[in-house]
Amino acid sequence: MNYQHNLQRLLLKIPHGKVSTYREIAHAMGMCAYRFVGQLLHKNPHPDKFPCYKVVQSDGKLGGFALGDAEKIRRLKADGVSVKNGKVVDFTHKFHRFS
């Protein structure tokens, strides 16, 4: 199975103004390994094409981003997602589920 391709396909399904979580993506990929998803996201060769910045922790905290927190926040804001104190504002309404 090509995990990177499957992950990229899912990233493109996250709508404008929404975020998803490492865990949600792992479940959509048919696994429980959300840390593995984080590793794949960190290796994303095309962050402008496949919006890995839209993936956050299950509690709405930012999580990591290969280009840094400030860049993740900038991209989220440009996408209509506000961040305050390192967390997505109104996370429950901004959360995208794949199922």
PDB file of N, CA and C in Angstrom:
ATOM      1  N   MET A   1       0.847  -1.195   0.000  1.00  0.00           N
ATOM      2  CA  MET A   1       0.000   0.000   0.000  1.00  0.00           C
ATOM      3  C   MET A   1       0.880   1.241   0.000  1.00  0.00           C
ATOM      4  N   ASN A   2       0.547   2.212  -0.802  1.00  0.00           N
ATOM      5  CA  ASN A   2       1.290   3.453  -0.863  1.00  0.00           C
ATOM      6  C   ASN A   2       0.682   4.443   0.129  1.00  0.00           C
ATOM      7  N   TYR A   3       1.233   4.468   1.325  1.00  0.00           N
ATOM      8  CA  TYR A   3       0.692   5.317   2.390  1.00  0.00           C
ATOM      9  C   TYR A   3       0.762   6.800   2.042  1.00  0.00           C
ATOM     10  N   GLN A   4       1.874   7.229   1.439  1.00  0.00           N
ATOM     11  CA  GLN A   4       2.035   8.653   1.110  1.00  0.00           C
ATOM     12  C   GLN A   4       0.959   9.099   0.119  1.00  0.00           C
ATOM     13  N   HIS A   5       0.685   8.291  -0.879  1.00  0.00           N
ATOM     14  CA  HIS A   5      -0.335   8.637  -1.868  1.00  0.00           C
ATOM     15  C   HIS A   5      -1.717   8.699  -1.220  1.00  0.00           C
ATOM     16  N   ASN A   6      -2.027   7.737  -0.381  1.00  0.00           N
ATOM     17  CA  ASN A   6      -3.310   7.714   0.322  1.00  0.00           C
ATOM     18  C   ASN A   6      -3.447   8.949   1.216  1.00  0.00           C
ATOM     19  N   LEU A   7      -2.372   9.301   1.914  1.00  0.00           N
ATOM     20  CA  LEU A   7      -2.371  10.487   2.766  1.00  0.00           C
ATOM     21  C   LEU A   7      -2.597  11.748   1.937  1.00  0.00           C
ATOM     22  N   GLN A   8      -1.917  11.875   0.838  1.00  0.00           N
ATOM     23  CA  GLN A   8      -2.069  13.055  -0.021  1.00  0.00           C
ATOM     24  C   GLN A   8      -3.504  13.187  -0.520  1.00  0.00           C
ATOM     25  N   ARG A   9      -4.113  12.072  -0.880  1.00  0.00           N
ATOM     26  CA  ARG A   9      -5.506  12.073  -1.332  1.00  0.00           C
ATOM     27  C   ARG A   9      -6.432  12.597  -0.228  1.00  0.00           C
ATOM     28  N   LEU A  10      -6.195  12.176   0.999  1.00  0.00           N
ATOM     29  CA  LEU A  10      -7.015  12.627   2.123  1.00  0.00           C
ATOM     30  C   LEU A  10      -6.799  14.107   2.424  1.00  0.00           C
ATOM     31  N   LEU A  11      -5.562  14.566   2.346  1.00  0.00           N
ATOM     32  CA  LEU A  11      -5.278  15.979   2.602  1.00  0.00           C
ATOM     33  C   LEU A  11      -6.065  16.876   1.656  1.00  0.00           C
ATOM     34  N   LEU A  12      -6.202  16.449   0.415  1.00  0.00           N
ATOM     35  CA  LEU A  12      -6.932  17.241  -0.566  1.00  0.00           C
ATOM     36  C   LEU A  12      -8.436  17.271  -0.295  1.00  0.00           C
ATOM     37  N   LYS A  13      -8.930  16.365   0.538  1.00  0.00           N
ATOM     38  CA  LYS A  13     -10.354  16.316   0.872  1.00  0.00           C
ATOM     39  C   LYS A  13     -10.734  17.223   2.045  1.00  0.00           C
ATOM     40  N   ILE A  14      -9.750  17.776   2.743  1.00  0.00           N
ATOM     41  CA  ILE A  14     -10.052  18.669   3.863  1.00  0.00           C
ATOM     42  C   ILE A  14     -10.499  20.005   3.270  1.00  0.00           C
ATOM     43  N   PRO A  15     -11.755  20.408   3.540  1.00  0.00           N
ATOM     44  CA  PRO A  15     -12.282  21.636   2.928  1.00  0.00           C
ATOM     45  C   PRO A  15     -11.603  22.913   3.431  1.00  0.00           C
ATOM     46  N   HIS A  16     -11.771  23.960   2.662  1.00  0.00           N
ATOM     47  CA  HIS A  16     -11.303  25.289   3.061  1.00  0.00           C
ATOM     48  C   HIS A  16     -11.905  25.634   4.420  1.00  0.00           C
ATOM     49  N   GLY A  17     -11.090  26.167   5.309  1.00  0.00           N
ATOM     50  CA  GLY A  17     -11.574  26.596   6.617  1.00  0.00           C
ATOM     51  C   GLY A  17     -11.736  25.481   7.628  1.00  0.00           C
ATOM     52  N   LYS A  18     -11.269  24.284   7.298  1.00  0.00           N
ATOM     53  CA  LYS A  18     -11.387  23.135   8.193  1.00  0.00           C
ATOM     54  C   LYS A  18     -10.009  22.542   8.468  1.00  0.00           C
ATOM     55  N   VAL A  19      -9.936  21.780   9.557  1.00  0.00           N
ATOM     56  CA  VAL A  19      -8.732  21.033   9.898  1.00  0.00           C
ATOM     57  C   VAL A  19      -9.141  19.601  10.225  1.00  0.00           C
ATOM     58  N   SER A  20      -8.182  18.707  10.213  1.00  0.00           N
ATOM     59  CA  SER A  20      -8.422  17.348  10.666  1.00  0.00           C
ATOM     60  C   SER A  20      -7.303  16.987  11.630  1.00  0.00           C
ATOM     61  N   THR A  21      -7.310  15.767  12.123  1.00  0.00           N
ATOM     62  CA  THR A  21      -6.308  15.359  13.107  1.00  0.00           C
ATOM     63  C   THR A  21      -5.497  14.178  12.593  1.00  0.00           C
ATOM     64  N   TYR A  22      -4.354  13.996  13.228  1.00  0.00           N
ATOM     65  CA  TYR A  22      -3.506  12.856  12.905  1.00  0.00           C
ATOM     66  C   TYR A  22      -4.300  11.560  13.091  1.00  0.00           C
ATOM     67  N   ARG A  23      -5.043  11.484  14.179  1.00  0.00           N
ATOM     68  CA  ARG A  23      -5.824  10.286  14.490  1.00  0.00           C
ATOM     69  C   ARG A  23      -6.924  10.057  13.458  1.00  0.00           C
ATOM     70  N   GLU A  24      -7.644  11.104  13.090  1.00  0.00           N
ATOM     71  CA  GLU A  24      -8.723  10.973  12.106  1.00  0.00           C
ATOM     72  C   GLU A  24      -8.184  10.484  10.767  1.00  0.00           C
ATOM     73  N   ILE A  25      -7.050  11.016  10.374  1.00  0.00           N
ATOM     74  CA  ILE A  25      -6.444  10.604   9.112  1.00  0.00           C
ATOM     75  C   ILE A  25      -5.975   9.149   9.191  1.00  0.00           C
ATOM     76  N   ALA A  26      -5.370   8.778  10.311  1.00  0.00           N
ATOM     77  CA  ALA A  26      -4.939   7.386  10.486  1.00  0.00           C
ATOM     78  C   ALA A  26      -6.129   6.443  10.365  1.00  0.00           C
ATOM     79  N   HIS A  27      -7.231   6.782  11.007  1.00  0.00           N
ATOM     80  CA  HIS A  27      -8.427   5.933  10.930  1.00  0.00           C
ATOM     81  C   HIS A  27      -8.967   5.880   9.505  1.00  0.00           C
ATOM     82  N   ALA A  28      -8.940   7.004   8.803  1.00  0.00           N
ATOM     83  CA  ALA A  28      -9.403   7.033   7.408  1.00  0.00           C
ATOM     84  C   ALA A  28      -8.503   6.175   6.516  1.00  0.00           C
ATOM     85  N   MET A  29      -7.258   5.997   6.932  1.00  0.00           N
ATOM     86  CA  MET A  29      -6.316   5.161   6.187  1.00  0.00           C
ATOM     87  C   MET A  29      -6.400   3.706   6.631  1.00  0.00           C
ATOM     88  N   GLY A  30      -7.284   3.417   7.589  1.00  0.00           N
ATOM     89  CA  GLY A  30      -7.474   2.051   8.042  1.00  0.00           C
ATOM     90  C   GLY A  30      -6.460   1.562   9.054  1.00  0.00           C
ATOM     91  N   MET A  31      -5.887   2.490   9.808  1.00  0.00           N
ATOM     92  CA  MET A  31      -4.908   2.104  10.822  1.00  0.00           C
ATOM     93  C   MET A  31      -5.076   2.949  12.076  1.00  0.00           C
ATOM     94  N   CYS A  32      -4.352   2.600  13.104  1.00  0.00           N
ATOM     95  CA  CYS A  32      -4.385   3.356  14.366  1.00  0.00           C
ATOM     96  C   CYS A  32      -3.090   4.126  14.593  1.00  0.00           C
ATOM     97  N   ALA A  33      -2.174   4.059  13.685  1.00  0.00           N
ATOM     98  CA  ALA A  33      -0.831   4.622  13.858  1.00  0.00           C
ATOM     99  C   ALA A  33      -0.791   6.110  13.510  1.00  0.00           C
ATOM    100  N   TYR A  34      -1.367   6.942  14.401  1.00  0.00           N
ATOM    101  CA  TYR A  34      -1.407   8.369  14.101  1.00  0.00           C
ATOM    102  C   TYR A  34      -0.032   9.020  14.174  1.00  0.00           C
ATOM    103  N   ARG A  35       0.896   8.447  14.923  1.00  0.00           N
ATOM    104  CA  ARG A  35       2.268   8.987  14.934  1.00  0.00           C
ATOM    105  C   ARG A  35       2.957   8.724  13.596  1.00  0.00           C
ATOM    106  N   PHE A  36       2.644   7.600  12.988  1.00  0.00           N
ATOM    107  CA  PHE A  36       3.152   7.295  11.656  1.00  0.00           C
ATOM    108  C   PHE A  36       2.644   8.334  10.659  1.00  0.00           C
ATOM    109  N   VAL A  37       1.384   8.724  10.801  1.00  0.00           N
ATOM    110  CA  VAL A  37       0.820   9.778   9.948  1.00  0.00           C
ATOM    111  C   VAL A  37       1.625  11.055  10.118  1.00  0.00           C
ATOM    112  N   GLY A  38       1.963  11.391  11.357  1.00  0.00           N
ATOM    113  CA  GLY A  38       2.784  12.578  11.611  1.00  0.00           C
ATOM    114  C   GLY A  38       4.134  12.497  10.922  1.00  0.00           C
ATOM    115  N   GLN A  39       4.740  11.320  10.915  1.00  0.00           N
ATOM    116  CA  GLN A  39       6.023  11.134  10.234  1.00  0.00           C
ATOM    117  C   GLN A  39       5.878  11.316   8.728  1.00  0.00           C
ATOM    118  N   LEU A  40       4.798  10.776   8.177  1.00  0.00           N
ATOM    119  CA  LEU A  40       4.551  10.952   6.740  1.00  0.00           C
ATOM    120  C   LEU A  40       4.329  12.418   6.400  1.00  0.00           C
ATOM    121  N   LEU A  41       3.575  13.111   7.242  1.00  0.00           N
ATOM    122  CA  LEU A  41       3.316  14.533   7.003  1.00  0.00           C
ATOM    123  C   LEU A  41       4.611  15.333   7.050  1.00  0.00           C
ATOM    124  N   HIS A  42       5.483  14.992   7.971  1.00  0.00           N
ATOM    125  CA  HIS A  42       6.759  15.703   8.095  1.00  0.00           C
ATOM    126  C   HIS A  42       7.609  15.538   6.830  1.00  0.00           C
ATOM    127  N   LYS A  43       7.407  14.428   6.137  1.00  0.00           N
ATOM    128  CA  LYS A  43       8.165  14.153   4.907  1.00  0.00           C
ATOM    129  C   LYS A  43       7.438  14.612   3.649  1.00  0.00           C
ATOM    130  N   ASN A  44       6.323  15.319   3.806  1.00  0.00           N
ATOM    131  CA  ASN A  44       5.536  15.780   2.665  1.00  0.00           C
ATOM    132  C   ASN A  44       6.423  16.605   1.723  1.00  0.00           C
ATOM    133  N   PRO A  45       6.687  16.104   0.517  1.00  0.00           N
ATOM    134  CA  PRO A  45       7.573  16.825  -0.396  1.00  0.00           C
ATOM    135  C   PRO A  45       6.921  18.041  -1.054  1.00  0.00           C
ATOM    136  N   HIS A  46       5.599  18.170  -0.951  1.00  0.00           N
ATOM    137  CA  HIS A  46       4.891  19.257  -1.623  1.00  0.00           C
ATOM    138  C   HIS A  46       3.850  19.901  -0.694  1.00  0.00           C
ATOM    139  N   PRO A  47       4.304  20.630   0.358  1.00  0.00           N
ATOM    140  CA  PRO A  47       3.346  21.213   1.310  1.00  0.00           C
ATOM    141  C   PRO A  47       2.427  22.273   0.684  1.00  0.00           C
ATOM    142  N   ASP A  48       2.806  22.830  -0.440  1.00  0.00           N
ATOM    143  CA  ASP A  48       1.921  23.801  -1.104  1.00  0.00           C
ATOM    144  C   ASP A  48       0.812  23.093  -1.883  1.00  0.00           C
ATOM    145  N   LYS A  49       1.095  21.904  -2.374  1.00  0.00           N
ATOM    146  CA  LYS A  49       0.109  21.134  -3.135  1.00  0.00           C
ATOM    147  C   LYS A  49      -0.769  20.276  -2.215  1.00  0.00           C
ATOM    148  N   PHE A  50      -0.154  19.671  -1.200  1.00  0.00           N
ATOM    149  CA  PHE A  50      -0.868  18.796  -0.259  1.00  0.00           C
ATOM    150  C   PHE A  50      -0.827  19.464   1.123  1.00  0.00           C
ATOM    151  N   PRO A  51      -1.930  20.082   1.537  1.00  0.00           N
ATOM    152  CA  PRO A  51      -1.945  20.967   2.711  1.00  0.00           C
ATOM    153  C   PRO A  51      -1.829  20.266   4.067  1.00  0.00           C
ATOM    154  N   CYS A  52      -0.617  19.831   4.384  1.00  0.00           N
ATOM    155  CA  CYS A  52      -0.389  19.138   5.649  1.00  0.00           C
ATOM    156  C   CYS A  52      -0.537  20.069   6.847  1.00  0.00           C
ATOM    157  N   TYR A  53      -0.504  21.378   6.633  1.00  0.00           N
ATOM    158  CA  TYR A  53      -0.692  22.331   7.727  1.00  0.00           C
ATOM    159  C   TYR A  53      -2.098  22.244   8.313  1.00  0.00           C
ATOM    160  N   LYS A  54      -3.028  21.614   7.608  1.00  0.00           N
ATOM    161  CA  LYS A  54      -4.408  21.482   8.077  1.00  0.00           C
ATOM    162  C   LYS A  54      -4.600  20.333   9.063  1.00  0.00           C
ATOM    163  N   VAL A  55      -3.520  19.677   9.454  1.00  0.00           N
ATOM    164  CA  VAL A  55      -3.605  18.551  10.377  1.00  0.00           C
ATOM    165  C   VAL A  55      -3.086  18.989  11.743  1.00  0.00           C
ATOM    166  N   VAL A  56      -3.914  18.776  12.758  1.00  0.00           N
ATOM    167  CA  VAL A  56      -3.593  19.198  14.122  1.00  0.00           C
ATOM    168  C   VAL A  56      -3.808  18.025  15.081  1.00  0.00           C
ATOM    169  N   GLN A  57      -3.493  18.252  16.342  1.00  0.00           N
ATOM    170  CA  GLN A  57      -3.694  17.231  17.366  1.00  0.00           C
ATOM    171  C   GLN A  57      -5.179  17.100  17.695  1.00  0.00           C
ATOM    172  N   SER A  58      -5.542  16.008  18.339  1.00  0.00           N
ATOM    173  CA  SER A  58      -6.947  15.721  18.651  1.00  0.00           C
ATOM    174  C   SER A  58      -7.581  16.709  19.625  1.00  0.00           C
ATOM    175  N   ASP A  59      -6.767  17.477  20.335  1.00  0.00           N
ATOM    176  CA  ASP A  59      -7.304  18.481  21.253  1.00  0.00           C
ATOM    177  C   ASP A  59      -7.294  19.881  20.640  1.00  0.00           C
ATOM    178  N   GLY A  60      -6.955  19.979  19.352  1.00  0.00           N
ATOM    179  CA  GLY A  60      -6.934  21.268  18.666  1.00  0.00           C
ATOM    180  C   GLY A  60      -5.600  21.982  18.708  1.00  0.00           C
ATOM    181  N   LYS A  61      -4.627  21.443  19.463  1.00  0.00           N
ATOM    182  CA  LYS A  61      -3.293  22.048  19.474  1.00  0.00           C
ATOM    183  C   LYS A  61      -2.640  21.832  18.120  1.00  0.00           C
ATOM    184  N   LEU A  62      -1.729  22.729  17.795  1.00  0.00           N
ATOM    185  CA  LEU A  62      -1.147  22.736  16.455  1.00  0.00           C
ATOM    186  C   LEU A  62      -0.425  21.461  16.053  1.00  0.00           C
ATOM    187  N   GLY A  63       0.334  20.866  16.929  1.00  0.00           N
ATOM    188  CA  GLY A  63       1.175  19.750  16.513  1.00  0.00           C
ATOM    189  C   GLY A  63       2.373  20.302  15.756  1.00  0.00           C
ATOM    190  N   GLY A  64       3.032  19.487  15.009  1.00  0.00           N
ATOM    191  CA  GLY A  64       4.235  19.922  14.308  1.00  0.00           C
ATOM    192  C   GLY A  64       3.974  20.378  12.884  1.00  0.00           C
ATOM    193  N   PHE A  65       5.012  20.976  12.316  1.00  0.00           N
ATOM    194  CA  PHE A  65       4.998  21.377  10.907  1.00  0.00           C
ATOM    195  C   PHE A  65       6.442  21.573  10.499  1.00  0.00           C
ATOM    196  N   ALA A  66       6.858  20.930   9.435  1.00  0.00           N
ATOM    197  CA  ALA A  66       8.260  20.956   9.013  1.00  0.00           C
ATOM    198  C   ALA A  66       8.785  22.378   8.790  1.00  0.00           C
ATOM    199  N   LEU A  67       7.907  23.300   8.412  1.00  0.00           N
ATOM    200  CA  LEU A  67       8.329  24.682   8.136  1.00  0.00           C
ATOM    201  C   LEU A  67       8.181  25.595   9.353  1.00  0.00           C
ATOM    202  N   GLY A  68       7.803  25.023  10.508  1.00  0.00           N
ATOM    203  CA  GLY A  68       7.722  25.787  11.751  1.00  0.00           C
ATOM    204  C   GLY A  68       6.309  26.217  12.119  1.00  0.00           C
ATOM    205  N   ASP A  69       6.126  26.494  13.406  1.00  0.00           N
ATOM    206  CA  ASP A  69       4.816  26.873  13.936  1.00  0.00           C
ATOM    207  C   ASP A  69       4.283  28.169  13.334  1.00  0.00           C
ATOM    208  N   ALA A  70       5.144  29.165  13.201  1.00  0.00           N
ATOM    209  CA  ALA A  70       4.706  30.459  12.671  1.00  0.00           C
ATOM    210  C   ALA A  70       4.151  30.307  11.254  1.00  0.00           C
ATOM    211  N   GLU A  71       4.797  29.481  10.455  1.00  0.00           N
ATOM    212  CA  GLU A  71       4.332  29.252   9.079  1.00  0.00           C
ATOM    213  C   GLU A  71       3.031  28.462   9.076  1.00  0.00           C
ATOM    214  N   LYS A  72       2.897  27.496   9.986  1.00  0.00           N
ATOM    215  CA  LYS A  72       1.652  26.732  10.081  1.00  0.00           C
ATOM    216  C   LYS A  72       0.499  27.662  10.452  1.00  0.00           C
ATOM    217  N   ILE A  73       0.723  28.538  11.413  1.00  0.00           N
ATOM    218  CA  ILE A  73      -0.305  29.494  11.835  1.00  0.00           C
ATOM    219  C   ILE A  73      -0.661  30.431  10.687  1.00  0.00           C
ATOM    220  N   ARG A  74       0.342  30.906   9.967  1.00  0.00           N
ATOM    221  CA  ARG A  74       0.095  31.808   8.831  1.00  0.00           C
ATOM    222  C   ARG A  74      -0.766  31.123   7.778  1.00  0.00           C
ATOM    223  N   ARG A  75      -0.443  29.883   7.452  1.00  0.00           N
ATOM    224  CA  ARG A  75      -1.200  29.150   6.436  1.00  0.00           C
ATOM    225  C   ARG A  75      -2.626  28.851   6.906  1.00  0.00           C
ATOM    226  N   LEU A  76      -2.768  28.483   8.175  1.00  0.00           N
ATOM    227  CA  LEU A  76      -4.111  28.233   8.708  1.00  0.00           C
ATOM    228  C   LEU A  76      -4.961  29.498   8.649  1.00  0.00           C
ATOM    229  N   LYS A  77      -4.394  30.622   9.054  1.00  0.00           N
ATOM    230  CA  LYS A  77      -5.140  31.888   9.013  1.00  0.00           C
ATOM    231  C   LYS A  77      -5.527  32.241   7.586  1.00  0.00           C
ATOM    232  N   ALA A  78      -4.628  32.033   6.646  1.00  0.00           N
ATOM    233  CA  ALA A  78      -4.935  32.305   5.233  1.00  0.00           C
ATOM    234  C   ALA A  78      -6.049  31.395   4.731  1.00  0.00           C
ATOM    235  N   ASP A  79      -6.218  30.257   5.371  1.00  0.00           N
ATOM    236  CA  ASP A  79      -7.246  29.288   5.005  1.00  0.00           C
ATOM    237  C   ASP A  79      -8.538  29.488   5.811  1.00  0.00           C
ATOM    238  N   GLY A  80      -8.566  30.520   6.653  1.00  0.00           N
ATOM    239  CA  GLY A  80      -9.786  30.811   7.406  1.00  0.00           C
ATOM    240  C   GLY A  80      -9.885  30.124   8.752  1.00  0.00           C
ATOM    241  N   VAL A  81      -8.764  29.647   9.270  1.00  0.00           N
ATOM    242  CA  VAL A  81      -8.742  28.973  10.568  1.00  0.00           C
ATOM    243  C   VAL A  81      -7.933  29.831  11.543  1.00  0.00           C
ATOM    244  N   SER A  82      -8.582  30.282  12.596  1.00  0.00           N
ATOM    245  CA  SER A  82      -7.907  31.112  13.600  1.00  0.00           C
ATOM    246  C   SER A  82      -7.213  30.241  14.636  1.00  0.00           C
ATOM    247  N   VAL A  83      -6.086  30.747  15.130  1.00  0.00           N
ATOM    248  CA  VAL A  83      -5.305  30.058  16.152  1.00  0.00           C
ATOM    249  C   VAL A  83      -5.070  31.024  17.299  1.00  0.00           C
ATOM    250  N   LYS A  84      -5.299  30.552  18.513  1.00  0.00           N
ATOM    251  CA  LYS A  84      -5.054  31.370  19.699  1.00  0.00           C
ATOM    252  C   LYS A  84      -4.389  30.489  20.754  1.00  0.00           C
ATOM    253  N   ASN A  85      -3.280  30.978  21.300  1.00  0.00           N
ATOM    254  CA  ASN A  85      -2.521  30.237  22.316  1.00  0.00           C
ATOM    255  C   ASN A  85      -2.171  28.818  21.858  1.00  0.00           C
ATOM    256  N   GLY A  86      -1.816  28.687  20.598  1.00  0.00           N
ATOM    257  CA  GLY A  86      -1.368  27.400  20.069  1.00  0.00           C
ATOM    258  C   GLY A  86      -2.461  26.384  19.782  1.00  0.00           C
ATOM    259  N   LYS A  87      -3.728  26.851  19.789  1.00  0.00           N
ATOM    260  CA  LYS A  87      -4.850  25.945  19.522  1.00  0.00           C
ATOM    261  C   LYS A  87      -5.781  26.544  18.474  1.00  0.00           C
ATOM    262  N   VAL A  88      -6.440  25.683  17.738  1.00  0.00           N
ATOM    263  CA  VAL A  88      -7.432  26.112  16.751  1.00  0.00           C
ATOM    264  C   VAL A  88      -8.647  26.661  17.497  1.00  0.00           C
ATOM    265  N   VAL A  89      -9.050  27.862  17.149  1.00  0.00           N
ATOM    266  CA  VAL A  89     -10.234  28.485  17.749  1.00  0.00           C
ATOM    267  C   VAL A  89     -11.469  27.778  17.205  1.00  0.00           C
ATOM    268  N   ASP A  90     -12.406  27.457  18.097  1.00  0.00           N
ATOM    269  CA  ASP A  90     -13.656  26.782  17.728  1.00  0.00           C
ATOM    270  C   ASP A  90     -13.364  25.451  17.028  1.00  0.00           C
ATOM    271  N   PHE A  91     -12.471  24.694  17.625  1.00  0.00           N
ATOM    272  CA  PHE A  91     -11.987  23.450  17.031  1.00  0.00           C
ATOM    273  C   PHE A  91     -13.110  22.489  16.648  1.00  0.00           C
ATOM    274  N   THR A  92     -14.109  22.322  17.495  1.00  0.00           N
ATOM    275  CA  THR A  92     -15.164  21.341  17.202  1.00  0.00           C
ATOM    276  C   THR A  92     -15.922  21.686  15.923  1.00  0.00           C
ATOM    277  N   HIS A  93     -16.038  22.973  15.610  1.00  0.00           N
ATOM    278  CA  HIS A  93     -16.724  23.377  14.383  1.00  0.00           C
ATOM    279  C   HIS A  93     -15.789  23.390  13.168  1.00  0.00           C
ATOM    280  N   LYS A  94     -14.516  23.458  13.428  1.00  0.00           N
ATOM    281  CA  LYS A  94     -13.527  23.470  12.338  1.00  0.00           C
ATOM    282  C   LYS A  94     -13.024  22.060  11.987  1.00  0.00           C
ATOM    283  N   PHE A  95     -13.398  21.077  12.801  1.00  0.00           N
ATOM    284  CA  PHE A  95     -12.898  19.711  12.640  1.00  0.00           C
ATOM    285  C   PHE A  95     -13.596  19.000  11.485  1.00  0.00           C
ATOM    286  N   HIS A  96     -12.796  18.449  10.571  1.00  0.00           N
ATOM    287  CA  HIS A  96     -13.318  17.686   9.434  1.00  0.00           C
ATOM    288  C   HIS A  96     -13.138  16.199   9.679  1.00  0.00           C
ATOM    289  N   ARG A  97     -14.249  15.457   9.603  1.00  0.00           N
ATOM    290  CA  ARG A  97     -14.207  13.991   9.701  1.00  0.00           C
ATOM    291  C   ARG A  97     -14.330  13.409   8.299  1.00  0.00           C
ATOM    292  N   PHE A  98     -13.629  12.313   8.081  1.00  0.00           N
ATOM    293  CA  PHE A  98     -13.657  11.651   6.778  1.00  0.00           C
ATOM    294  C   PHE A  98     -14.775  10.620   6.684  1.00  0.00           C
ATOM    295  N   SER A  99     -15.319  10.202   7.809  1.00  0.00           N
ATOM    296  CA  SER A  99     -16.354   9.156   7.767  1.00  0.00           C
ATOM    297  C   SER A  99     -17.736   9.730   7.942  1.00  0.00           C
TER     298      SER A  99
END
